[in-house]
Protein backbone atom coordinates (compact mmCIF):
# COMPACT_ATOMS: atom_id res chain seq x y z
CA LEU A 1 0.00 0.00 0.00
CA ASP A 2 2.85 2.39 0.80
CA ASP A 3 4.38 1.70 -2.61
CA ALA A 4 1.05 2.35 -4.34
CA ARG A 5 0.65 5.67 -2.56
CA ALA A 6 4.21 6.69 -3.36
CA LEU A 7 3.75 5.87 -7.04
CA ARG A 8 0.48 7.79 -7.20
CA THR A 9 2.34 10.85 -5.93
CA ALA A 10 5.45 10.34 -8.08
CA ILE A 11 3.81 9.65 -11.45
CA ARG A 12 2.55 12.76 -13.20
CA PRO A 13 1.52 13.57 -16.76
CA ASP A 14 4.67 13.54 -18.91
CA SER A 15 6.69 11.71 -16.21
CA ARG A 16 9.27 9.37 -17.70
CA VAL A 17 8.61 6.00 -16.12
CA VAL A 18 10.89 2.99 -16.61
CA ILE A 19 9.53 -0.36 -15.48
CA VAL A 20 11.92 -3.30 -15.19
CA GLY A 21 10.11 -6.58 -15.74
CA ALA A 22 7.21 -7.03 -18.17
CA GLY A 23 5.30 -9.69 -16.27
CA PHE A 24 1.81 -9.04 -14.96
CA ILE A 25 2.88 -6.66 -12.19
CA GLY A 26 5.05 -4.64 -14.55
CA SER A 27 2.47 -4.70 -17.33
CA GLU A 28 -0.39 -3.58 -15.12
CA LEU A 29 1.77 -0.78 -13.74
CA ALA A 30 2.61 0.25 -17.30
CA CYS A 31 -1.11 0.46 -18.10
CA ALA A 32 -1.79 2.55 -15.00
CA ALA A 33 1.10 4.92 -15.74
CA ARG A 34 -0.05 5.40 -19.34
CA ARG A 35 -3.54 6.26 -18.13
CA MET A 36 -1.96 8.91 -15.91
CA GLY A 37 -0.30 10.45 -18.97
CA ALA A 38 3.23 9.22 -18.33
CA GLU A 39 5.78 8.19 -20.93
CA VAL A 40 6.44 4.52 -20.19
CA THR A 41 9.31 2.22 -21.16
CA LEU A 42 8.97 -1.43 -20.21
CA VAL A 43 12.26 -3.35 -20.01
CA GLU A 44 12.20 -7.16 -20.23
CA ALA A 45 15.22 -9.50 -20.20
CA ALA A 46 13.38 -12.30 -22.03
CA PRO A 47 12.95 -12.23 -25.84
CA VAL A 48 9.21 -11.72 -25.34
CA PRO A 49 7.10 -11.26 -22.18
CA PHE A 50 4.35 -13.66 -21.09
CA ALA A 51 5.91 -16.72 -22.79
CA ALA A 52 5.82 -18.75 -19.58
CA ALA A 53 2.21 -17.77 -18.97
CA VAL A 54 0.63 -18.19 -22.42
CA GLY A 55 3.27 -20.00 -24.49
CA THR A 56 5.74 -18.69 -27.06
CA GLU A 57 3.33 -18.76 -30.01
CA LEU A 58 0.88 -16.16 -28.72
CA ALA A 59 3.03 -14.26 -26.24
CA PRO A 60 3.84 -11.66 -28.95
CA ALA A 61 0.12 -10.99 -29.36
CA ILE A 62 -0.17 -10.05 -25.68
CA ALA A 63 3.05 -8.03 -25.83
CA ALA A 64 1.63 -6.08 -28.78
CA LEU A 65 -1.03 -4.63 -26.48
CA HIS A 66 1.75 -2.47 -25.04
CA THR A 67 3.03 -1.12 -28.32
CA ARG A 68 -0.50 -0.46 -29.61
CA ASN A 69 -1.12 1.66 -26.53
CA GLY A 70 2.02 3.76 -26.69
CA THR A 71 4.28 1.88 -24.26
CA ASP A 72 7.88 1.48 -25.42
CA LEU A 73 8.64 -2.24 -24.96
CA ARG A 74 12.32 -3.23 -24.89
CA CYS A 75 12.85 -7.01 -24.89
CA GLY A 76 16.00 -9.09 -24.68
CA VAL A 77 17.87 -6.44 -22.73
CA THR A 78 19.04 -6.13 -19.13
CA VAL A 79 19.62 -3.22 -16.77
CA THR A 80 23.28 -2.51 -16.01
CA GLY A 81 22.91 0.57 -13.82
CA ILE A 82 20.81 3.43 -12.52
CA ASP A 83 22.12 7.00 -12.56
CA GLY A 84 21.21 9.78 -10.17
CA GLU A 85 22.21 11.18 -6.80
CA ASP A 86 19.37 12.85 -4.95
CA ARG A 87 16.91 11.00 -7.20
CA VAL A 88 16.93 8.73 -10.22
CA ARG A 89 17.87 10.36 -13.52
CA ALA A 90 18.43 7.54 -15.99
CA VAL A 91 18.55 3.77 -16.47
CA ARG A 92 21.47 2.19 -18.33
CA LEU A 93 20.77 -0.91 -20.42
CA GLY A 94 22.96 -3.79 -21.53
CA ASP A 95 22.72 -2.79 -25.19
CA GLY A 96 24.52 0.48 -24.41
CA SER A 97 21.45 2.70 -24.49
CA THR A 98 20.32 5.01 -21.69
CA LEU A 99 16.72 5.76 -20.74
CA PRO A 100 15.96 9.09 -19.07
CA ALA A 101 13.79 8.38 -16.04
CA ASP A 102 11.89 10.24 -13.35
CA VAL A 103 10.48 7.06 -11.80
CA VAL A 104 11.88 3.51 -11.88
CA ILE A 105 9.79 0.50 -10.85
CA VAL A 106 11.18 -3.02 -10.52
CA GLY A 107 8.85 -6.00 -10.82
CA VAL A 108 10.95 -9.05 -11.65
CA GLY A 109 9.03 -11.85 -10.00
CA ALA A 110 8.84 -13.50 -6.62
CA ALA A 111 10.15 -16.62 -4.91
CA PRO A 112 8.36 -18.65 -2.22
CA ALA A 113 9.51 -17.56 1.23
CA THR A 114 10.15 -20.97 2.77
CA GLY A 115 13.40 -20.28 4.63
CA TRP A 116 11.58 -20.21 7.94
CA LEU A 117 10.52 -23.81 7.31
CA ASP A 118 14.07 -25.18 7.02
CA GLY A 119 14.44 -28.07 9.46
CA SER A 120 10.68 -28.31 9.99
CA GLY A 121 10.37 -31.73 8.39
CA LEU A 122 8.46 -30.40 5.42
CA LYS A 123 9.84 -31.24 2.00
CA LEU A 124 10.80 -28.01 0.23
CA ASP A 125 11.51 -27.60 -3.46
CA ASN A 126 10.43 -24.32 -5.08
CA GLY A 127 7.73 -24.16 -2.44
CA VAL A 128 6.21 -26.67 -0.05
CA VAL A 129 5.90 -30.03 -1.81
CA CYS A 130 2.45 -31.60 -1.55
CA ASP A 131 0.67 -34.64 -2.92
CA GLU A 132 -2.56 -34.60 -4.94
CA THR A 133 -4.63 -33.82 -1.84
CA LEU A 134 -2.39 -30.87 -0.80
CA ALA A 135 -0.93 -32.91 2.07
CA THR A 136 2.69 -32.11 2.87
CA SER A 137 5.38 -34.57 3.91
CA ALA A 138 4.49 -33.91 7.57
CA PRO A 139 1.46 -35.84 8.89
CA GLY A 140 -1.63 -33.68 9.29
CA VAL A 141 -0.09 -30.62 7.62
CA TYR A 142 -1.56 -29.22 4.40
CA ALA A 143 -0.54 -26.28 2.23
CA ALA A 144 -2.33 -23.98 -0.19
CA GLY A 145 -1.68 -20.85 -2.21
CA ASP A 146 1.45 -19.43 -3.80
CA VAL A 147 3.76 -21.56 -1.66
CA CYS A 148 2.08 -24.88 -2.52
CA ARG A 149 3.78 -27.07 -5.13
CA TRP A 150 1.52 -30.04 -5.69
CA ALA A 151 0.89 -32.91 -8.09
CA ASN A 152 -2.10 -31.89 -10.21
CA PRO A 153 -3.76 -35.12 -11.40
CA LEU A 154 -5.76 -33.33 -14.10
CA PHE A 155 -2.63 -32.56 -16.10
CA GLY A 156 -0.27 -35.19 -14.74
CA GLU A 157 2.30 -32.64 -13.67
CA THR A 158 3.56 -30.79 -10.63
CA MET A 159 2.82 -27.07 -10.48
CA ARG A 160 2.95 -24.04 -8.22
CA LEU A 161 0.58 -21.17 -9.02
CA GLU A 162 0.73 -17.52 -8.00
CA HIS A 163 -2.85 -16.46 -8.67
CA TRP A 164 -5.50 -15.57 -6.10
CA THR A 165 -8.16 -17.77 -7.72
CA SER A 166 -5.98 -20.84 -7.21
CA ALA A 167 -5.14 -19.83 -3.64
CA ALA A 168 -8.83 -19.48 -2.73
CA GLU A 169 -9.80 -22.81 -4.27
CA GLN A 170 -6.83 -24.63 -2.75
CA GLY A 171 -7.43 -23.12 0.68
CA ALA A 172 -11.01 -24.39 0.82
CA LEU A 173 -9.99 -27.88 -0.34
CA ALA A 174 -6.99 -28.08 2.00
CA ALA A 175 -9.25 -27.26 4.94
CA ARG A 176 -11.78 -29.95 4.01
CA ASN A 177 -9.03 -32.53 3.49
CA ALA A 178 -7.36 -31.66 6.79
CA ILE A 179 -10.65 -32.06 8.66
CA ASP A 180 -11.40 -35.46 7.11
CA PRO A 181 -8.23 -37.02 5.63
CA SER A 182 -9.98 -40.36 5.06
CA ALA A 183 -12.21 -38.68 2.47
CA ALA A 184 -9.53 -36.37 1.03
CA THR A 185 -10.23 -35.13 -2.49
CA PRO A 186 -7.44 -34.62 -5.07
CA CYS A 187 -6.81 -31.03 -6.13
CA ALA A 188 -7.61 -31.30 -9.85
CA LEU A 189 -7.60 -27.54 -10.29
CA VAL A 190 -7.64 -25.80 -13.69
CA PRO A 191 -5.22 -22.85 -13.42
CA TYR A 192 -6.83 -19.50 -14.16
CA PHE A 193 -5.49 -15.97 -14.26
CA TRP A 194 -6.68 -12.70 -15.68
CA SER A 195 -5.28 -9.22 -16.09
CA ASP A 196 -6.78 -5.98 -17.34
CA LEU A 197 -4.29 -4.55 -19.83
CA TYR A 198 -5.32 -1.18 -21.26
CA ASP A 199 -8.83 -1.62 -22.69
CA GLY A 200 -8.83 -5.42 -22.83
CA ARG A 201 -9.11 -8.26 -20.34
CA VAL A 202 -6.54 -11.01 -20.86
CA GLN A 203 -7.50 -14.42 -19.46
CA PHE A 204 -5.77 -17.78 -19.53
CA VAL A 205 -7.02 -21.12 -18.27
CA GLY A 206 -5.18 -24.44 -18.14
CA VAL A 207 -1.53 -24.88 -19.08
CA PRO A 208 0.33 -23.44 -22.10
CA HIS A 209 2.63 -26.35 -22.98
CA ALA A 210 0.72 -27.74 -25.95
CA ASP A 211 1.12 -29.79 -29.12
CA GLU A 212 -1.03 -27.29 -31.02
CA VAL A 213 -2.35 -23.78 -30.48
CA ARG A 214 -5.29 -22.75 -32.66
CA VAL A 215 -6.86 -19.30 -32.89
CA VAL A 216 -10.61 -19.82 -33.21
CA ALA A 217 -11.83 -16.21 -32.97
CA GLY A 218 -10.30 -12.81 -33.58
CA GLY A 219 -6.57 -12.70 -34.15
CA PRO A 220 -3.17 -11.66 -32.75
CA ALA A 221 -3.37 -8.23 -34.42
CA GLU A 222 -6.97 -7.60 -33.33
CA ASP A 223 -8.51 -6.30 -30.12
CA THR A 224 -10.13 -9.67 -29.44
CA LEU A 225 -8.69 -13.16 -29.51
CA LEU A 226 -9.67 -16.68 -28.50
CA ALA A 227 -7.16 -19.50 -28.84
CA LEU A 228 -7.35 -23.15 -27.76
CA TYR A 229 -4.42 -25.33 -26.68
CA ARG A 230 -4.27 -29.07 -27.47
CA ARG A 231 -2.18 -31.84 -25.94
CA GLY A 232 -2.80 -35.20 -27.54
CA ASP A 233 -6.54 -35.34 -28.17
CA ARG A 234 -7.49 -33.18 -25.16
CA LEU A 235 -8.14 -29.50 -24.59
CA ILE A 236 -5.59 -28.31 -22.01
CA GLY A 237 -5.70 -24.51 -22.26
CA ALA A 238 -7.40 -21.42 -23.62
CA LEU A 239 -6.29 -17.82 -24.04
CA GLY A 240 -8.72 -14.96 -24.46
CA VAL A 241 -8.55 -11.23 -24.99
CA GLU A 242 -11.99 -9.71 -24.45
CA GLN A 243 -13.49 -13.22 -24.53
CA ARG A 244 -14.66 -13.44 -20.93
CA ARG A 245 -17.51 -15.95 -21.07
CA PRO A 246 -15.90 -18.28 -23.66
CA VAL A 247 -12.71 -18.55 -21.59
CA LEU A 248 -14.59 -19.44 -18.42
CA ARG A 249 -16.60 -21.98 -20.41
CA MET A 250 -13.33 -23.50 -21.64
CA ARG A 251 -12.11 -23.75 -18.05
CA ALA A 252 -15.11 -25.90 -17.20
CA LEU A 253 -14.52 -28.08 -20.27
CA ILE A 254 -10.84 -28.56 -19.39
CA GLY A 255 -11.90 -29.69 -15.92
CA LYS A 256 -14.15 -32.29 -17.52
CA GLY A 257 -11.34 -33.59 -19.73
CA VAL A 258 -13.20 -32.96 -22.99
CA SER A 259 -11.77 -33.98 -26.34
CA TRP A 260 -10.21 -31.54 -28.76
CA ASP A 261 -13.01 -31.99 -31.28
CA ASP A 262 -15.68 -31.30 -28.67
CA ALA A 263 -13.80 -28.20 -27.52
CA LEU A 264 -13.58 -26.85 -31.08
CA ALA A 265 -17.30 -27.44 -31.56
CA ALA A 266 -18.11 -25.65 -28.30
CA ALA A 267 -15.89 -22.72 -29.23
CA ALA A 268 -17.49 -22.42 -32.66
CA GLU A 269 -20.95 -22.37 -31.09
CA MET A 270 -20.01 -19.72 -28.53
CA THR A 271 -18.19 -17.39 -30.91
CA ALA A 272 -20.95 -17.65 -33.53
CA SER A 273 -23.65 -16.50 -31.11
């Protein structure tokens, strides 16, 4: 909250704002600063932002939302220094360029804070390791939320999610399983995140590591987009820009394990109406 208040005071129309890290925190801050009339440069070390979240094929489409809205996006470059004495004056980049700056914001990700659990008996590995029911390696102890790294039976893979929807759903299930372990239910959760970027809502459900990604409505250069992700003969993910109801419908279908053909048919019906 203190940071938010400080930024509200610091960012003015025509302020030169440099944001390091083009993930969701950095991107949402870029949107807010642009709405306030600031000149915004977004610096990202990766070749394209959002690749881990939505896959490499359509990550450029989400990144293009920045450039279409006047944000200067610099990818594949690192920060080597910040100049200024009483206050920041410029940001130096690894490609030799320098960005004048009145405000610098760093949002380069987070790591699970599990150091206080060292020696507790809990298995730790990029979070607290849990089984399908969110049970940890210690009897009677369950975990949920950003720190929970569990075996998701729906996708056959281990994952750790940093989204409030997942935390809320896991918390409720972990409580039920802790109260009655004999009737514990596996956490077959479909990951879901959303972010309001400029004038569009970006949503993703499922996982992005797919054998095929197919755009079924709109397009990467348009203000609306719906894409489905296939692994084998199953629907495993969906990305939407201004496709709120179809994406949530796809989340339900992923949870049911529907076939690729059935998912395509459902998408065609929804986008035609």
